[in-house]
Amino acid sequence: MPAVRLSIPELTERMQTFVHSKSWYAAESKRPQTPKNLAISLSLEVAEVLEHFQWREETLDKTKLAAELADVTLYLLQLASVSDIDLEEAVLEKLKINQTREWDTNSTVS
């Protein structure tokens, strides 16, 4: 059976449903879903991705790496959502900018 493919808005909706089901948006939540907290969590998950490559060129466990990449994606989707950023639009705009960017110079465009 082929995998179900979802758009960024569909993935975001599923992530939001999950977060709501855990009551993490509630005022009294022990895991307040603020942009700052989500950015910190995103950074921590990215560090867990890096652990897969510490002292080696390839991961030893692609299944565990996939799980960490999924965590990164979910935090990224949620951070964009609570920050009212259309991630799909932002990615497309960044791709346009990157098309004109000179990669091997001291350009300050990021």
N, C-alpha and C. Protein backbone atom coordinates (compact mmCIF):
# COMPACT_ATOMS: atom_id res chain seq x y z
N MET A 1 0.85 -1.19 0.00
CA MET A 1 0.00 0.00 0.00
C MET A 1 0.88 1.24 0.00
N PRO A 2 0.68 2.16 -0.95
CA PRO A 2 1.51 3.36 -1.02
C PRO A 2 1.25 4.28 0.18
N ALA A 3 2.29 5.01 0.55
CA ALA A 3 2.17 5.96 1.66
C ALA A 3 1.24 7.10 1.29
N VAL A 4 0.52 7.60 2.28
CA VAL A 4 -0.36 8.75 2.08
C VAL A 4 0.52 10.00 2.05
N ARG A 5 0.33 10.83 1.07
CA ARG A 5 1.09 12.08 0.95
C ARG A 5 0.19 13.23 1.39
N LEU A 6 0.72 14.07 2.26
CA LEU A 6 -0.05 15.19 2.78
C LEU A 6 0.66 16.50 2.45
N SER A 7 -0.13 17.54 2.27
CA SER A 7 0.42 18.87 2.04
C SER A 7 0.87 19.48 3.36
N ILE A 8 1.60 20.58 3.29
CA ILE A 8 2.02 21.27 4.52
C ILE A 8 0.81 21.67 5.36
N PRO A 9 -0.25 22.25 4.77
CA PRO A 9 -1.42 22.58 5.60
C PRO A 9 -2.07 21.34 6.23
N GLU A 10 -2.09 20.23 5.51
CA GLU A 10 -2.68 19.01 6.08
C GLU A 10 -1.82 18.47 7.22
N LEU A 11 -0.51 18.50 7.06
CA LEU A 11 0.38 18.08 8.14
C LEU A 11 0.23 19.00 9.35
N THR A 12 0.13 20.30 9.09
CA THR A 12 -0.05 21.27 10.17
C THR A 12 -1.35 21.00 10.91
N GLU A 13 -2.41 20.71 10.18
CA GLU A 13 -3.70 20.42 10.82
C GLU A 13 -3.60 19.18 11.71
N ARG A 14 -2.94 18.16 11.24
CA ARG A 14 -2.77 16.94 12.05
C ARG A 14 -1.94 17.23 13.30
N MET A 15 -0.88 18.04 13.14
CA MET A 15 -0.07 18.41 14.28
C MET A 15 -0.89 19.21 15.29
N GLN A 16 -1.70 20.16 14.80
CA GLN A 16 -2.55 20.96 15.68
C GLN A 16 -3.56 20.08 16.43
N THR A 17 -4.14 19.13 15.75
CA THR A 17 -5.09 18.22 16.38
C THR A 17 -4.42 17.47 17.52
N PHE A 18 -3.20 16.99 17.27
CA PHE A 18 -2.46 16.28 18.31
C PHE A 18 -2.18 17.18 19.51
N VAL A 19 -1.67 18.39 19.26
CA VAL A 19 -1.34 19.32 20.35
C VAL A 19 -2.58 19.66 21.16
N HIS A 20 -3.70 19.91 20.47
CA HIS A 20 -4.96 20.18 21.18
C HIS A 20 -5.37 18.98 22.02
N SER A 21 -5.18 17.77 21.51
CA SER A 21 -5.59 16.57 22.24
C SER A 21 -4.80 16.41 23.54
N LYS A 22 -3.60 16.97 23.60
CA LYS A 22 -2.77 16.92 24.81
C LYS A 22 -2.99 18.13 25.71
N SER A 23 -3.85 19.06 25.27
CA SER A 23 -4.14 20.30 26.01
C SER A 23 -2.91 21.18 26.20
N TRP A 24 -1.98 21.11 25.27
CA TRP A 24 -0.77 21.91 25.38
C TRP A 24 -0.99 23.37 25.04
N TYR A 25 -2.15 23.71 24.47
CA TYR A 25 -2.47 25.12 24.22
C TYR A 25 -3.21 25.75 25.40
N ALA A 26 -3.56 24.94 26.38
CA ALA A 26 -4.28 25.45 27.55
C ALA A 26 -3.38 26.39 28.36
N ALA A 27 -3.99 27.40 28.97
CA ALA A 27 -3.23 28.39 29.74
C ALA A 27 -2.40 27.74 30.85
N GLU A 28 -2.91 26.69 31.45
CA GLU A 28 -2.23 26.03 32.57
C GLU A 28 -1.30 24.89 32.13
N SER A 29 -1.06 24.77 30.85
CA SER A 29 -0.23 23.69 30.33
C SER A 29 1.18 23.74 30.91
N LYS A 30 1.73 22.57 31.20
CA LYS A 30 3.12 22.48 31.63
C LYS A 30 4.07 22.56 30.44
N ARG A 31 3.49 22.55 29.24
CA ARG A 31 4.27 22.66 28.00
C ARG A 31 3.70 23.80 27.15
N PRO A 32 3.84 25.05 27.62
CA PRO A 32 3.27 26.18 26.88
C PRO A 32 3.83 26.24 25.46
N GLN A 33 2.94 26.30 24.50
CA GLN A 33 3.33 26.26 23.09
C GLN A 33 3.54 27.67 22.55
N THR A 34 4.51 28.36 23.14
CA THR A 34 4.85 29.72 22.71
C THR A 34 5.91 29.65 21.61
N PRO A 35 6.02 30.69 20.80
CA PRO A 35 7.07 30.67 19.77
C PRO A 35 8.46 30.42 20.36
N LYS A 36 8.77 31.06 21.48
CA LYS A 36 10.09 30.86 22.10
C LYS A 36 10.29 29.40 22.51
N ASN A 37 9.32 28.82 23.18
CA ASN A 37 9.45 27.43 23.62
C ASN A 37 9.54 26.47 22.44
N LEU A 38 8.78 26.75 21.40
CA LEU A 38 8.82 25.90 20.22
C LEU A 38 10.16 26.03 19.49
N ALA A 39 10.72 27.24 19.43
CA ALA A 39 12.02 27.44 18.80
C ALA A 39 13.11 26.69 19.57
N ILE A 40 13.03 26.72 20.88
CA ILE A 40 13.99 25.98 21.71
C ILE A 40 13.84 24.48 21.45
N SER A 41 12.61 24.00 21.45
CA SER A 41 12.37 22.58 21.22
C SER A 41 12.84 22.16 19.83
N LEU A 42 12.62 23.00 18.85
CA LEU A 42 13.08 22.72 17.49
C LEU A 42 14.60 22.58 17.48
N SER A 43 15.28 23.50 18.13
CA SER A 43 16.74 23.46 18.19
C SER A 43 17.23 22.19 18.88
N LEU A 44 16.58 21.80 19.95
CA LEU A 44 16.97 20.58 20.67
C LEU A 44 16.79 19.34 19.79
N GLU A 45 15.70 19.32 19.03
CA GLU A 45 15.46 18.18 18.14
C GLU A 45 16.49 18.14 17.01
N VAL A 46 16.87 19.30 16.50
CA VAL A 46 17.91 19.35 15.47
C VAL A 46 19.23 18.81 16.04
N ALA A 47 19.51 19.13 17.29
CA ALA A 47 20.72 18.60 17.93
C ALA A 47 20.66 17.07 18.00
N GLU A 48 19.47 16.52 18.22
CA GLU A 48 19.33 15.06 18.25
C GLU A 48 19.60 14.46 16.87
N VAL A 49 19.27 15.19 15.81
CA VAL A 49 19.61 14.74 14.46
C VAL A 49 21.14 14.70 14.33
N LEU A 50 21.81 15.74 14.81
CA LEU A 50 23.26 15.78 14.72
C LEU A 50 23.93 14.62 15.44
N GLU A 51 23.34 14.17 16.52
CA GLU A 51 23.92 13.04 17.26
C GLU A 51 24.07 11.80 16.39
N HIS A 52 23.20 11.65 15.41
CA HIS A 52 23.27 10.48 14.52
C HIS A 52 24.53 10.49 13.67
N PHE A 53 25.15 11.65 13.53
CA PHE A 53 26.32 11.78 12.66
C PHE A 53 27.60 12.12 13.42
N GLN A 54 27.49 12.21 14.74
CA GLN A 54 28.69 12.53 15.51
C GLN A 54 29.70 11.40 15.35
N TRP A 55 30.87 11.76 14.87
CA TRP A 55 32.00 10.85 14.67
C TRP A 55 31.81 9.86 13.52
N ARG A 56 30.83 10.11 12.66
CA ARG A 56 30.62 9.22 11.50
C ARG A 56 29.99 10.01 10.37
N GLU A 57 30.07 9.49 9.19
CA GLU A 57 29.51 10.14 8.00
C GLU A 57 28.09 9.69 7.70
N GLU A 58 27.70 8.54 8.20
CA GLU A 58 26.37 7.98 7.95
C GLU A 58 25.71 7.63 9.27
N THR A 59 24.39 7.70 9.32
CA THR A 59 23.68 7.28 10.51
C THR A 59 23.73 5.75 10.62
N LEU A 60 23.71 5.26 11.84
CA LEU A 60 23.69 3.82 12.06
C LEU A 60 22.27 3.27 12.07
N ASP A 61 21.29 4.16 12.23
CA ASP A 61 19.90 3.71 12.34
C ASP A 61 18.98 4.70 11.64
N LYS A 62 18.62 4.39 10.40
CA LYS A 62 17.77 5.30 9.62
C LYS A 62 16.38 5.44 10.21
N THR A 63 15.88 4.41 10.87
CA THR A 63 14.56 4.49 11.49
C THR A 63 14.55 5.53 12.60
N LYS A 64 15.59 5.51 13.43
CA LYS A 64 15.68 6.50 14.51
C LYS A 64 15.93 7.90 13.95
N LEU A 65 16.74 7.99 12.91
CA LEU A 65 16.96 9.29 12.26
C LEU A 65 15.65 9.82 11.69
N ALA A 66 14.88 8.96 11.06
CA ALA A 66 13.58 9.37 10.51
C ALA A 66 12.68 9.92 11.61
N ALA A 67 12.68 9.29 12.76
CA ALA A 67 11.86 9.76 13.88
C ALA A 67 12.31 11.14 14.35
N GLU A 68 13.61 11.37 14.39
CA GLU A 68 14.12 12.68 14.80
C GLU A 68 13.78 13.74 13.75
N LEU A 69 13.89 13.39 12.47
CA LEU A 69 13.52 14.34 11.42
C LEU A 69 12.03 14.66 11.48
N ALA A 70 11.21 13.68 11.83
CA ALA A 70 9.78 13.93 12.00
C ALA A 70 9.55 14.90 13.15
N ASP A 71 10.27 14.72 14.27
CA ASP A 71 10.15 15.66 15.39
C ASP A 71 10.51 17.07 14.96
N VAL A 72 11.60 17.21 14.21
CA VAL A 72 12.02 18.53 13.71
C VAL A 72 10.91 19.13 12.85
N THR A 73 10.36 18.33 11.97
CA THR A 73 9.30 18.81 11.07
C THR A 73 8.08 19.25 11.86
N LEU A 74 7.68 18.47 12.84
CA LEU A 74 6.50 18.82 13.62
C LEU A 74 6.70 20.12 14.40
N TYR A 75 7.87 20.29 15.02
CA TYR A 75 8.12 21.55 15.73
C TYR A 75 8.18 22.73 14.75
N LEU A 76 8.76 22.51 13.58
CA LEU A 76 8.81 23.57 12.58
C LEU A 76 7.41 23.96 12.12
N LEU A 77 6.57 22.98 11.85
CA LEU A 77 5.19 23.26 11.45
C LEU A 77 4.45 24.02 12.53
N GLN A 78 4.64 23.60 13.78
CA GLN A 78 3.93 24.26 14.87
C GLN A 78 4.45 25.67 15.10
N LEU A 79 5.76 25.86 15.03
CA LEU A 79 6.32 27.20 15.21
C LEU A 79 5.80 28.15 14.13
N ALA A 80 5.77 27.68 12.90
CA ALA A 80 5.22 28.51 11.82
C ALA A 80 3.76 28.82 12.08
N SER A 81 3.01 27.82 12.53
CA SER A 81 1.58 28.00 12.76
C SER A 81 1.30 29.02 13.86
N VAL A 82 1.95 28.87 15.01
CA VAL A 82 1.68 29.80 16.12
C VAL A 82 2.25 31.19 15.83
N SER A 83 3.18 31.28 14.90
CA SER A 83 3.75 32.57 14.51
C SER A 83 3.00 33.18 13.34
N ASP A 84 1.94 32.51 12.90
CA ASP A 84 1.11 32.96 11.78
C ASP A 84 1.94 33.16 10.51
N ILE A 85 2.78 32.17 10.22
CA ILE A 85 3.60 32.18 9.02
C ILE A 85 3.13 31.06 8.11
N ASP A 86 2.87 31.41 6.86
CA ASP A 86 2.51 30.42 5.86
C ASP A 86 3.82 29.78 5.41
N LEU A 87 4.12 28.60 5.94
CA LEU A 87 5.40 27.97 5.68
C LEU A 87 5.59 27.62 4.21
N GLU A 88 4.53 27.18 3.57
CA GLU A 88 4.62 26.87 2.14
C GLU A 88 5.03 28.11 1.35
N GLU A 89 4.38 29.22 1.63
CA GLU A 89 4.70 30.48 0.95
C GLU A 89 6.13 30.92 1.27
N ALA A 90 6.54 30.78 2.53
CA ALA A 90 7.89 31.18 2.94
C ALA A 90 8.95 30.33 2.23
N VAL A 91 8.70 29.03 2.09
CA VAL A 91 9.64 28.15 1.41
C VAL A 91 9.75 28.52 -0.07
N LEU A 92 8.61 28.74 -0.70
CA LEU A 92 8.63 29.10 -2.11
C LEU A 92 9.35 30.43 -2.34
N GLU A 93 9.12 31.40 -1.46
CA GLU A 93 9.79 32.69 -1.57
C GLU A 93 11.30 32.53 -1.38
N LYS A 94 11.69 31.72 -0.42
CA LYS A 94 13.11 31.49 -0.17
C LYS A 94 13.77 30.79 -1.34
N LEU A 95 13.07 29.86 -1.98
CA LEU A 95 13.61 29.20 -3.17
C LEU A 95 13.84 30.21 -4.29
N LYS A 96 12.92 31.18 -4.45
CA LYS A 96 13.10 32.23 -5.46
C LYS A 96 14.35 33.05 -5.15
N ILE A 97 14.52 33.42 -3.90
CA ILE A 97 15.70 34.20 -3.50
C ILE A 97 16.96 33.39 -3.76
N ASN A 98 16.93 32.11 -3.39
CA ASN A 98 18.11 31.27 -3.57
C ASN A 98 18.49 31.08 -5.03
N GLN A 99 17.52 31.16 -5.93
CA GLN A 99 17.81 31.04 -7.36
C GLN A 99 18.73 32.15 -7.84
N THR A 100 18.64 33.32 -7.22
CA THR A 100 19.45 34.46 -7.66
C THR A 100 20.69 34.65 -6.80
N ARG A 101 20.84 33.85 -5.80
CA ARG A 101 21.94 34.01 -4.84
C ARG A 101 23.24 33.45 -5.41
N GLU A 102 24.32 34.15 -5.13
CA GLU A 102 25.66 33.66 -5.49
C GLU A 102 26.18 32.86 -4.30
N TRP A 103 26.42 31.59 -4.48
CA TRP A 103 26.76 30.71 -3.36
C TRP A 103 28.23 30.73 -2.99
N ASP A 104 29.09 31.07 -3.90
CA ASP A 104 30.51 31.00 -3.60
C ASP A 104 31.15 32.37 -3.42
N THR A 105 30.35 33.32 -2.91
CA THR A 105 30.86 34.65 -2.62
C THR A 105 30.57 34.97 -1.17
N ASN A 106 30.93 36.14 -0.75
CA ASN A 106 30.70 36.56 0.63
C ASN A 106 29.35 37.24 0.78
N SER A 107 28.35 36.78 0.06
CA SER A 107 27.02 37.36 0.10
C SER A 107 26.46 37.32 1.51
N THR A 108 25.76 38.38 1.90
CA THR A 108 25.14 38.44 3.22
C THR A 108 23.68 38.00 3.19
N VAL A 109 23.18 37.61 2.02
CA VAL A 109 21.80 37.15 1.92
C VAL A 109 21.73 35.77 2.55
N SER A 110 20.72 35.58 3.41
CA SER A 110 20.60 34.26 4.05
C SER A 110 19.22 33.70 3.87
